[in-house]
Amino acid sequence: MLYLLRVKGDSMAPTLEDGHALLALSPRLIPVKPGRIIAFRRGNDLYLKRALTREGDGWFAVGDNPSRSTDSRRFGPVPDSAIRAVVILRLVPLFLNWRGLLPI
């Protein structure tokens, strides 16, 4: 499945800024690996964080802006079942620089 996501907030700054548009794929199509940005559900909210390490049946995921991020340091590993997508491309503002592609 293909997803179009919009960044809200500054927990992933400077990599991702509020308002950026992202293209993501289901984790069934592209595997979660350390360093990749994932989208996951926690309650009714969808979070975007960087997967760092695998811990048991989940991922320790943190924001790139630690002072502004609610992440695994607070709520623990993200279960595999909560991961909805893996980010593959920043669409907007791709035209602002040449770093539109995120590592996959």
C-alpha atoms as a PDB file:
ATOM      1  CA  MET A   1       0.000   0.000   0.000  1.00  0.00           C
ATOM      2  CA  LEU A   2       1.160   3.538  -0.818  1.00  0.00           C
ATOM      3  CA  TYR A   3       0.628   6.421   1.635  1.00  0.00           C
ATOM      4  CA  LEU A   4       0.841  10.191   1.384  1.00  0.00           C
ATOM      5  CA  LEU A   5       1.685  11.693   4.792  1.00  0.00           C
ATOM      6  CA  ARG A   6       2.029  15.257   6.069  1.00  0.00           C
ATOM      7  CA  VAL A   7       4.437  16.190   8.867  1.00  0.00           C
ATOM      8  CA  LYS A   8       2.882  17.929  11.871  1.00  0.00           C
ATOM      9  CA  GLY A   9       5.151  19.469  14.480  1.00  0.00           C
ATOM     10  CA  ASP A  10       8.897  19.693  14.806  1.00  0.00           C
ATOM     11  CA  SER A  11       9.909  16.423  16.481  1.00  0.00           C
ATOM     12  CA  MET A  12      11.782  15.313  13.323  1.00  0.00           C
ATOM     13  CA  ALA A  13      13.513  18.648  12.618  1.00  0.00           C
ATOM     14  CA  PRO A  14      15.804  19.380  10.903  1.00  0.00           C
ATOM     15  CA  THR A  15      15.252  16.305   8.684  1.00  0.00           C
ATOM     16  CA  LEU A  16      11.507  16.873   8.360  1.00  0.00           C
ATOM     17  CA  GLU A  17       9.744  20.168   9.007  1.00  0.00           C
ATOM     18  CA  ASP A  18       6.119  20.939   9.783  1.00  0.00           C
ATOM     19  CA  GLY A  19       4.107  20.804   6.549  1.00  0.00           C
ATOM     20  CA  HIS A  20       6.432  18.541   4.542  1.00  0.00           C
ATOM     21  CA  ALA A  21       4.632  15.956   2.406  1.00  0.00           C
ATOM     22  CA  LEU A  22       6.000  12.404   2.410  1.00  0.00           C
ATOM     23  CA  LEU A  23       5.510   9.279   0.350  1.00  0.00           C
ATOM     24  CA  ALA A  24       5.587   6.006   2.285  1.00  0.00           C
ATOM     25  CA  LEU A  25       5.072   2.305   1.639  1.00  0.00           C
ATOM     26  CA  SER A  26       3.639  -0.491   3.749  1.00  0.00           C
ATOM     27  CA  PRO A  27       6.258  -2.354   5.828  1.00  0.00           C
ATOM     28  CA  ARG A  28       5.165  -5.459   3.890  1.00  0.00           C
ATOM     29  CA  LEU A  29       6.647  -3.850   0.746  1.00  0.00           C
ATOM     30  CA  ILE A  30       9.750  -2.245   2.243  1.00  0.00           C
ATOM     31  CA  PRO A  31      11.306  -3.564   5.443  1.00  0.00           C
ATOM     32  CA  VAL A  32      11.925  -1.492   8.537  1.00  0.00           C
ATOM     33  CA  LYS A  33      15.672  -1.113   9.088  1.00  0.00           C
ATOM     34  CA  PRO A  34      17.709   1.022  11.483  1.00  0.00           C
ATOM     35  CA  GLY A  35      17.803   4.632  10.304  1.00  0.00           C
ATOM     36  CA  ARG A  36      14.557   4.537   8.344  1.00  0.00           C
ATOM     37  CA  ILE A  37      11.680   6.842   9.230  1.00  0.00           C
ATOM     38  CA  ILE A  38       8.516   4.979  10.145  1.00  0.00           C
ATOM     39  CA  ALA A  39       4.897   5.957  10.632  1.00  0.00           C
ATOM     40  CA  PHE A  40       3.106   4.164  13.453  1.00  0.00           C
ATOM     41  CA  ARG A  41      -0.126   4.327  15.414  1.00  0.00           C
ATOM     42  CA  ARG A  42      -0.217   4.953  19.124  1.00  0.00           C
ATOM     43  CA  GLY A  43      -3.799   5.343  20.295  1.00  0.00           C
ATOM     44  CA  ASN A  44      -5.562   7.634  17.822  1.00  0.00           C
ATOM     45  CA  ASP A  45      -2.354   9.416  16.792  1.00  0.00           C
ATOM     46  CA  LEU A  46       0.013   8.718  13.908  1.00  0.00           C
ATOM     47  CA  TYR A  47       3.682   9.330  14.728  1.00  0.00           C
ATOM     48  CA  LEU A  48       6.700   9.772  12.457  1.00  0.00           C
ATOM     49  CA  LYS A  49       9.980   8.723  14.073  1.00  0.00           C
ATOM     50  CA  ARG A  50      13.326   7.209  13.137  1.00  0.00           C
ATOM     51  CA  ALA A  51      13.704   3.468  13.811  1.00  0.00           C
ATOM     52  CA  LEU A  52      16.972   2.952  15.697  1.00  0.00           C
ATOM     53  CA  THR A  53      17.205  -0.583  17.042  1.00  0.00           C
ATOM     54  CA  ARG A  54      15.086  -3.689  17.135  1.00  0.00           C
ATOM     55  CA  GLU A  55      13.998  -4.675  20.645  1.00  0.00           C
ATOM     56  CA  GLY A  56      12.099  -7.933  20.948  1.00  0.00           C
ATOM     57  CA  ASP A  57       9.001  -7.700  18.737  1.00  0.00           C
ATOM     58  CA  GLY A  58       9.275  -3.950  18.171  1.00  0.00           C
ATOM     59  CA  TRP A  59      11.456  -0.972  17.337  1.00  0.00           C
ATOM     60  CA  PHE A  60      13.022   1.696  19.512  1.00  0.00           C
ATOM     61  CA  ALA A  61      12.002   4.799  17.549  1.00  0.00           C
ATOM     62  CA  VAL A  62      13.003   8.396  18.315  1.00  0.00           C
ATOM     63  CA  GLY A  63      12.578  11.866  16.858  1.00  0.00           C
ATOM     64  CA  ASP A  64      15.527  13.697  15.329  1.00  0.00           C
ATOM     65  CA  ASN A  65      14.770  16.661  17.627  1.00  0.00           C
ATOM     66  CA  PRO A  66      14.983  14.993  21.066  1.00  0.00           C
ATOM     67  CA  SER A  67      13.944  18.036  23.089  1.00  0.00           C
ATOM     68  CA  ARG A  68      10.650  18.253  21.133  1.00  0.00           C
ATOM     69  CA  SER A  69       9.879  14.552  20.632  1.00  0.00           C
ATOM     70  CA  THR A  70       7.584  12.141  22.444  1.00  0.00           C
ATOM     71  CA  ASP A  71       9.002   8.769  21.439  1.00  0.00           C
ATOM     72  CA  SER A  72      10.301   5.382  22.632  1.00  0.00           C
ATOM     73  CA  ARG A  73      12.302   7.050  25.397  1.00  0.00           C
ATOM     74  CA  ARG A  74       8.910   7.767  26.951  1.00  0.00           C
ATOM     75  CA  PHE A  75       6.624   4.922  25.853  1.00  0.00           C
ATOM     76  CA  GLY A  76       9.039   2.099  24.998  1.00  0.00           C
ATOM     77  CA  PRO A  77       9.470   0.079  21.799  1.00  0.00           C
ATOM     78  CA  VAL A  78       6.936   0.389  18.973  1.00  0.00           C
ATOM     79  CA  PRO A  79       5.339  -3.013  18.277  1.00  0.00           C
ATOM     80  CA  ASP A  80       5.629  -4.282  14.705  1.00  0.00           C
ATOM     81  CA  SER A  81       1.825  -4.421  14.577  1.00  0.00           C
ATOM     82  CA  ALA A  82       1.632  -0.629  15.114  1.00  0.00           C
ATOM     83  CA  ILE A  83       3.914   0.263  12.178  1.00  0.00           C
ATOM     84  CA  ARG A  84       1.835   1.437   9.226  1.00  0.00           C
ATOM     85  CA  ALA A  85       4.444   2.709   6.773  1.00  0.00           C
ATOM     86  CA  VAL A  86       8.110   3.320   5.965  1.00  0.00           C
ATOM     87  CA  VAL A  87       8.934   6.732   4.485  1.00  0.00           C
ATOM     88  CA  ILE A  88      10.721   6.586   1.113  1.00  0.00           C
ATOM     89  CA  LEU A  89      10.529  10.132  -0.276  1.00  0.00           C
ATOM     90  CA  ARG A  90       9.959  13.715   0.787  1.00  0.00           C
ATOM     91  CA  LEU A  91       7.695  15.227  -1.892  1.00  0.00           C
ATOM     92  CA  VAL A  92       7.342  18.783  -0.605  1.00  0.00           C
ATOM     93  CA  PRO A  93       9.559  20.802  -0.451  1.00  0.00           C
ATOM     94  CA  LEU A  94      11.602  18.621  -2.796  1.00  0.00           C
ATOM     95  CA  PHE A  95      12.231  21.660  -4.999  1.00  0.00           C
ATOM     96  CA  LEU A  96      14.050  23.536  -2.200  1.00  0.00           C
ATOM     97  CA  ASN A  97      17.165  21.363  -2.249  1.00  0.00           C
ATOM     98  CA  TRP A  98      18.619  18.148  -3.620  1.00  0.00           C
ATOM     99  CA  ARG A  99      18.126  16.154  -0.426  1.00  0.00           C
ATOM    100  CA  GLY A 100      14.588  15.053  -1.224  1.00  0.00           C
ATOM    101  CA  LEU A 101      15.399  11.354  -1.093  1.00  0.00           C
ATOM    102  CA  LEU A 102      15.535   9.856   2.364  1.00  0.00           C
ATOM    103  CA  PRO A 103      17.727   6.803   2.978  1.00  0.00           C
ATOM    104  CA  ILE A 104      15.851   3.537   2.475  1.00  0.00           C
END
